[in-house]
Amino acid sequence: MNFLEFTYTKADGTESKRAAIPFVEAIDVSQMPEDEFAVFCREFSALKSSQHEQTMAILAQFDLKHNYRKFNPEQMSDITTDYV
């Protein structure tokens, strides 16, 4: 899992040190036949729903339920990345 540390500058100019676990993912289904795509979507949707429930439980367990952030890359500096 990737782990980022960086300095974030807010619109008002204040800076803060951040540590984050980024998650950006995509599944390319452009070549999948339409009938298979429909089946895949149903199954994948059920999987993601279950995963979301598990993720929210873990976030609640570690008191991170309200810590989701969307950082503007243009406002990030001193970025280091590690694999943990």
C-alpha atoms as a PDB file:
ATOM      1  CA  MET A   1       0.000   0.000   0.000  1.00  0.00           C
ATOM      2  CA  ASN A   2       1.300   3.456  -0.872  1.00  0.00           C
ATOM      3  CA  PHE A   3       1.781   6.016   1.874  1.00  0.00           C
ATOM      4  CA  LEU A   4       2.276   9.750   1.217  1.00  0.00           C
ATOM      5  CA  GLU A   5       3.653  12.486   3.432  1.00  0.00           C
ATOM      6  CA  PHE A   6       3.469  16.088   2.247  1.00  0.00           C
ATOM      7  CA  THR A   7       3.004  19.725   3.163  1.00  0.00           C
ATOM      8  CA  TYR A   8      -0.415  21.044   2.188  1.00  0.00           C
ATOM      9  CA  THR A   9      -1.078  24.747   1.636  1.00  0.00           C
ATOM     10  CA  LYS A  10      -4.720  25.739   2.027  1.00  0.00           C
ATOM     11  CA  ALA A  11      -6.356  28.540   0.021  1.00  0.00           C
ATOM     12  CA  ASP A  12      -5.870  30.917   2.960  1.00  0.00           C
ATOM     13  CA  GLY A  13      -2.101  30.260   2.886  1.00  0.00           C
ATOM     14  CA  THR A  14      -1.885  28.145   6.040  1.00  0.00           C
ATOM     15  CA  GLU A  15       0.301  25.056   5.801  1.00  0.00           C
ATOM     16  CA  SER A  16      -0.020  21.706   7.491  1.00  0.00           C
ATOM     17  CA  LYS A  17       1.950  18.461   7.413  1.00  0.00           C
ATOM     18  CA  ARG A  18      -0.160  15.545   6.157  1.00  0.00           C
ATOM     19  CA  ALA A  19       0.151  11.787   5.965  1.00  0.00           C
ATOM     20  CA  ALA A  20      -2.256   9.961   3.685  1.00  0.00           C
ATOM     21  CA  ILE A  21      -3.025   6.641   2.057  1.00  0.00           C
ATOM     22  CA  PRO A  22      -4.072   7.416  -1.527  1.00  0.00           C
ATOM     23  CA  PHE A  23      -6.460   5.235  -3.464  1.00  0.00           C
ATOM     24  CA  VAL A  24      -7.054   5.746  -7.142  1.00  0.00           C
ATOM     25  CA  GLU A  25      -8.218   2.783  -9.139  1.00  0.00           C
ATOM     26  CA  ALA A  26     -10.008   1.896 -12.337  1.00  0.00           C
ATOM     27  CA  ILE A  27     -11.005  -1.256 -14.166  1.00  0.00           C
ATOM     28  CA  ASP A  28     -10.893  -0.940 -17.941  1.00  0.00           C
ATOM     29  CA  VAL A  29     -14.025  -2.651 -19.298  1.00  0.00           C
ATOM     30  CA  SER A  30     -13.936  -1.059 -22.746  1.00  0.00           C
ATOM     31  CA  GLN A  31     -13.420  -4.442 -24.475  1.00  0.00           C
ATOM     32  CA  MET A  32     -15.982  -6.406 -22.429  1.00  0.00           C
ATOM     33  CA  PRO A  33     -19.122  -7.620 -24.252  1.00  0.00           C
ATOM     34  CA  GLU A  34     -22.285  -5.879 -23.080  1.00  0.00           C
ATOM     35  CA  ASP A  35     -23.971  -9.014 -21.673  1.00  0.00           C
ATOM     36  CA  GLU A  36     -20.861  -9.887 -19.616  1.00  0.00           C
ATOM     37  CA  PHE A  37     -20.604  -6.262 -18.508  1.00  0.00           C
ATOM     38  CA  ALA A  38     -24.107  -6.382 -17.007  1.00  0.00           C
ATOM     39  CA  VAL A  39     -23.274  -9.522 -14.999  1.00  0.00           C
ATOM     40  CA  PHE A  40     -19.920  -8.075 -13.943  1.00  0.00           C
ATOM     41  CA  CYS A  41     -21.552  -4.835 -12.780  1.00  0.00           C
ATOM     42  CA  ARG A  42     -24.051  -6.653 -10.557  1.00  0.00           C
ATOM     43  CA  GLU A  43     -21.382  -8.839  -8.965  1.00  0.00           C
ATOM     44  CA  PHE A  44     -18.824  -6.059  -8.631  1.00  0.00           C
ATOM     45  CA  SER A  45     -21.401  -3.714  -7.139  1.00  0.00           C
ATOM     46  CA  ALA A  46     -22.229  -6.276  -4.442  1.00  0.00           C
ATOM     47  CA  LEU A  47     -18.518  -6.727  -3.733  1.00  0.00           C
ATOM     48  CA  LYS A  48     -17.918  -2.955  -3.468  1.00  0.00           C
ATOM     49  CA  SER A  49     -20.931  -2.580  -1.168  1.00  0.00           C
ATOM     50  CA  SER A  50     -19.551  -5.252   1.163  1.00  0.00           C
ATOM     51  CA  GLN A  51     -16.085  -3.694   0.983  1.00  0.00           C
ATOM     52  CA  HIS A  52     -17.520  -0.260   1.788  1.00  0.00           C
ATOM     53  CA  GLU A  53     -19.275  -1.622   4.881  1.00  0.00           C
ATOM     54  CA  GLN A  54     -16.026  -3.260   6.039  1.00  0.00           C
ATOM     55  CA  THR A  55     -14.034  -0.098   5.305  1.00  0.00           C
ATOM     56  CA  MET A  56     -16.440   2.069   7.311  1.00  0.00           C
ATOM     57  CA  ALA A  57     -16.235  -0.371  10.237  1.00  0.00           C
ATOM     58  CA  ILE A  58     -12.422  -0.171  10.246  1.00  0.00           C
ATOM     59  CA  LEU A  59     -12.474   3.629   9.936  1.00  0.00           C
ATOM     60  CA  ALA A  60     -14.886   3.811  12.890  1.00  0.00           C
ATOM     61  CA  GLN A  61     -12.704   1.416  14.902  1.00  0.00           C
ATOM     62  CA  PHE A  62      -9.718   3.768  14.489  1.00  0.00           C
ATOM     63  CA  ASP A  63     -11.777   6.978  14.800  1.00  0.00           C
ATOM     64  CA  LEU A  64     -11.068   7.966  11.180  1.00  0.00           C
ATOM     65  CA  LYS A  65     -14.662   7.965   9.960  1.00  0.00           C
ATOM     66  CA  HIS A  66     -14.613  11.715   9.250  1.00  0.00           C
ATOM     67  CA  ASN A  67     -11.021  11.990   7.969  1.00  0.00           C
ATOM     68  CA  TYR A  68     -11.604  11.524   4.225  1.00  0.00           C
ATOM     69  CA  ARG A  69      -9.921  14.367   2.364  1.00  0.00           C
ATOM     70  CA  LYS A  70      -9.544  15.338  -1.274  1.00  0.00           C
ATOM     71  CA  PHE A  71      -6.235  17.149  -1.661  1.00  0.00           C
ATOM     72  CA  ASN A  72      -5.519  19.478  -4.580  1.00  0.00           C
ATOM     73  CA  PRO A  73      -2.182  18.308  -6.046  1.00  0.00           C
ATOM     74  CA  GLU A  74      -1.260  21.906  -6.905  1.00  0.00           C
ATOM     75  CA  GLN A  75      -1.284  22.722  -3.187  1.00  0.00           C
ATOM     76  CA  MET A  76       0.965  19.799  -2.194  1.00  0.00           C
ATOM     77  CA  SER A  77       4.737  20.143  -1.753  1.00  0.00           C
ATOM     78  CA  ASP A  78       7.638  18.244  -0.159  1.00  0.00           C
ATOM     79  CA  ILE A  79       5.971  14.974  -1.173  1.00  0.00           C
ATOM     80  CA  THR A  80       7.550  11.701  -0.141  1.00  0.00           C
ATOM     81  CA  THR A  81       6.052   8.332  -0.901  1.00  0.00           C
ATOM     82  CA  ASP A  82       6.724   4.980   0.728  1.00  0.00           C
ATOM     83  CA  TYR A  83       5.314   1.529   0.289  1.00  0.00           C
ATOM     84  CA  VAL A  84       4.057   0.058   3.595  1.00  0.00           C
END
